[in-house]
Amino acid sequence: MTPAPASPHVAVDLVMADGWLRVSVADDGRGFDTGGDHRRGGLLHMEDRVRSFGGSLDVASAPGQGTRVVATFPVPAPVAPVEAPAV
């Protein structure tokens, strides 16, 4: 197995809106065919971890076209601090 060459360009994007956090990582590397069993190893573990937080993972790639991985997580509403009773 030959390791993939490093991608010259990688973009990371974090967006929080409407109660959701979207984390996107895209590169212009060699890509891969998503029609096969690509959810193994690292991608499978990423998907399991994202789901454990109530999120979803989307992987888009094609040979020669790079890869884009987007994880979307729900962001819990802030909880108001509880004041300690006066002593």
C-alpha atoms as a PDB file:
ATOM      1  CA  MET A   1       0.000   0.000   0.000  1.00  0.00           C
ATOM      2  CA  THR A   2       1.406   3.352  -1.045  1.00  0.00           C
ATOM      3  CA  PRO A   3       0.543   6.386   1.073  1.00  0.00           C
ATOM      4  CA  ALA A   4      -1.346   9.189  -0.663  1.00  0.00           C
ATOM      5  CA  PRO A   5       0.789  12.197  -1.576  1.00  0.00           C
ATOM      6  CA  ALA A   6       0.221  15.303   0.492  1.00  0.00           C
ATOM      7  CA  SER A   7      -2.452  17.637  -0.827  1.00  0.00           C
ATOM      8  CA  PRO A   8      -1.138  21.068  -1.741  1.00  0.00           C
ATOM      9  CA  HIS A   9      -4.262  22.824  -0.470  1.00  0.00           C
ATOM     10  CA  VAL A  10      -6.508  22.111   2.513  1.00  0.00           C
ATOM     11  CA  ALA A  11      -9.409  24.309   3.627  1.00  0.00           C
ATOM     12  CA  VAL A  12     -10.963  24.122   7.103  1.00  0.00           C
ATOM     13  CA  ASP A  13     -14.254  25.856   7.813  1.00  0.00           C
ATOM     14  CA  LEU A  14     -16.154  26.161  11.103  1.00  0.00           C
ATOM     15  CA  VAL A  15     -19.657  27.627  11.106  1.00  0.00           C
ATOM     16  CA  MET A  16     -22.103  27.853  13.996  1.00  0.00           C
ATOM     17  CA  ALA A  17     -25.666  28.882  13.140  1.00  0.00           C
ATOM     18  CA  ASP A  18     -29.208  28.012  14.178  1.00  0.00           C
ATOM     19  CA  GLY A  19     -28.082  25.644  16.921  1.00  0.00           C
ATOM     20  CA  TRP A  20     -25.675  23.659  14.723  1.00  0.00           C
ATOM     21  CA  LEU A  21     -21.898  23.533  14.371  1.00  0.00           C
ATOM     22  CA  ARG A  22     -20.576  22.555  10.934  1.00  0.00           C
ATOM     23  CA  VAL A  23     -16.944  21.514  10.588  1.00  0.00           C
ATOM     24  CA  SER A  24     -15.754  21.131   7.004  1.00  0.00           C
ATOM     25  CA  VAL A  25     -12.367  19.950   5.758  1.00  0.00           C
ATOM     26  CA  ALA A  26     -11.673  19.889   2.017  1.00  0.00           C
ATOM     27  CA  ASP A  27      -8.563  19.164   0.008  1.00  0.00           C
ATOM     28  CA  ASP A  28      -7.572  19.029  -3.629  1.00  0.00           C
ATOM     29  CA  GLY A  29      -5.764  15.701  -3.313  1.00  0.00           C
ATOM     30  CA  ARG A  30      -6.233  12.572  -5.371  1.00  0.00           C
ATOM     31  CA  GLY A  31      -9.691  11.745  -3.962  1.00  0.00           C
ATOM     32  CA  PHE A  32     -11.311   8.309  -4.082  1.00  0.00           C
ATOM     33  CA  ASP A  33     -14.408   6.533  -5.349  1.00  0.00           C
ATOM     34  CA  THR A  34     -17.169   6.878  -2.738  1.00  0.00           C
ATOM     35  CA  GLY A  35     -19.227   4.171  -4.451  1.00  0.00           C
ATOM     36  CA  GLY A  36     -17.231   1.418  -2.754  1.00  0.00           C
ATOM     37  CA  ASP A  37     -16.856   0.516   0.901  1.00  0.00           C
ATOM     38  CA  HIS A  38     -15.070   3.716   1.928  1.00  0.00           C
ATOM     39  CA  ARG A  39     -16.456   3.762   5.480  1.00  0.00           C
ATOM     40  CA  ARG A  40     -13.718   1.760   7.130  1.00  0.00           C
ATOM     41  CA  GLY A  41     -10.757   2.617   9.280  1.00  0.00           C
ATOM     42  CA  GLY A  42     -10.455   6.350   9.928  1.00  0.00           C
ATOM     43  CA  LEU A  43     -13.704   7.365   8.192  1.00  0.00           C
ATOM     44  CA  LEU A  44     -15.693   4.737  10.079  1.00  0.00           C
ATOM     45  CA  HIS A  45     -14.254   5.904  13.393  1.00  0.00           C
ATOM     46  CA  MET A  46     -14.957   9.546  12.529  1.00  0.00           C
ATOM     47  CA  GLU A  47     -18.554   8.704  11.675  1.00  0.00           C
ATOM     48  CA  ASP A  48     -18.999   6.766  14.932  1.00  0.00           C
ATOM     49  CA  ARG A  49     -17.555   9.638  16.962  1.00  0.00           C
ATOM     50  CA  VAL A  50     -19.701  12.277  15.230  1.00  0.00           C
ATOM     51  CA  ARG A  51     -22.850  10.163  15.745  1.00  0.00           C
ATOM     52  CA  SER A  52     -21.991   9.747  19.440  1.00  0.00           C
ATOM     53  CA  PHE A  53     -22.491  13.519  19.745  1.00  0.00           C
ATOM     54  CA  GLY A  54     -25.793  13.427  17.832  1.00  0.00           C
ATOM     55  CA  GLY A  55     -24.269  14.645  14.589  1.00  0.00           C
ATOM     56  CA  SER A  56     -23.850  13.454  11.041  1.00  0.00           C
ATOM     57  CA  LEU A  57     -20.900  12.997   8.709  1.00  0.00           C
ATOM     58  CA  ASP A  58     -20.916  13.545   4.953  1.00  0.00           C
ATOM     59  CA  VAL A  59     -18.019  12.518   2.716  1.00  0.00           C
ATOM     60  CA  ALA A  60     -17.803  13.689  -0.899  1.00  0.00           C
ATOM     61  CA  SER A  61     -14.926  12.630  -3.113  1.00  0.00           C
ATOM     62  CA  ALA A  62     -14.070  11.467  -6.611  1.00  0.00           C
ATOM     63  CA  PRO A  63     -10.830  10.216  -8.133  1.00  0.00           C
ATOM     64  CA  GLY A  64      -8.695  13.197  -9.129  1.00  0.00           C
ATOM     65  CA  GLN A  65     -11.143  15.670  -7.572  1.00  0.00           C
ATOM     66  CA  GLY A  66     -10.119  15.859  -3.901  1.00  0.00           C
ATOM     67  CA  THR A  67     -12.198  15.115  -0.815  1.00  0.00           C
ATOM     68  CA  ARG A  68     -14.598  17.070   1.362  1.00  0.00           C
ATOM     69  CA  VAL A  69     -15.628  15.837   4.827  1.00  0.00           C
ATOM     70  CA  VAL A  70     -18.393  17.718   6.647  1.00  0.00           C
ATOM     71  CA  ALA A  71     -19.376  16.951  10.242  1.00  0.00           C
ATOM     72  CA  THR A  72     -22.497  18.622  11.626  1.00  0.00           C
ATOM     73  CA  PHE A  73     -23.221  18.686  15.369  1.00  0.00           C
ATOM     74  CA  PRO A  74     -26.160  20.002  17.381  1.00  0.00           C
ATOM     75  CA  VAL A  75     -25.122  22.713  19.833  1.00  0.00           C
ATOM     76  CA  PRO A  76     -27.010  22.546  23.129  1.00  0.00           C
ATOM     77  CA  ALA A  77     -28.755  25.712  24.254  1.00  0.00           C
ATOM     78  CA  PRO A  78     -26.817  27.560  26.945  1.00  0.00           C
ATOM     79  CA  VAL A  79     -27.919  26.841  30.475  1.00  0.00           C
ATOM     80  CA  ALA A  80     -28.395  29.770  32.818  1.00  0.00           C
ATOM     81  CA  PRO A  81     -26.035  29.603  35.796  1.00  0.00           C
ATOM     82  CA  VAL A  82     -27.653  28.566  39.048  1.00  0.00           C
ATOM     83  CA  GLU A  83     -26.924  30.856  41.945  1.00  0.00           C
ATOM     84  CA  ALA A  84     -25.993  29.277  45.238  1.00  0.00           C
ATOM     85  CA  PRO A  85     -28.459  29.988  48.046  1.00  0.00           C
ATOM     86  CA  ALA A  86     -27.444  32.775  50.420  1.00  0.00           C
ATOM     87  CA  VAL A  87     -26.037  31.493  53.659  1.00  0.00           C
END
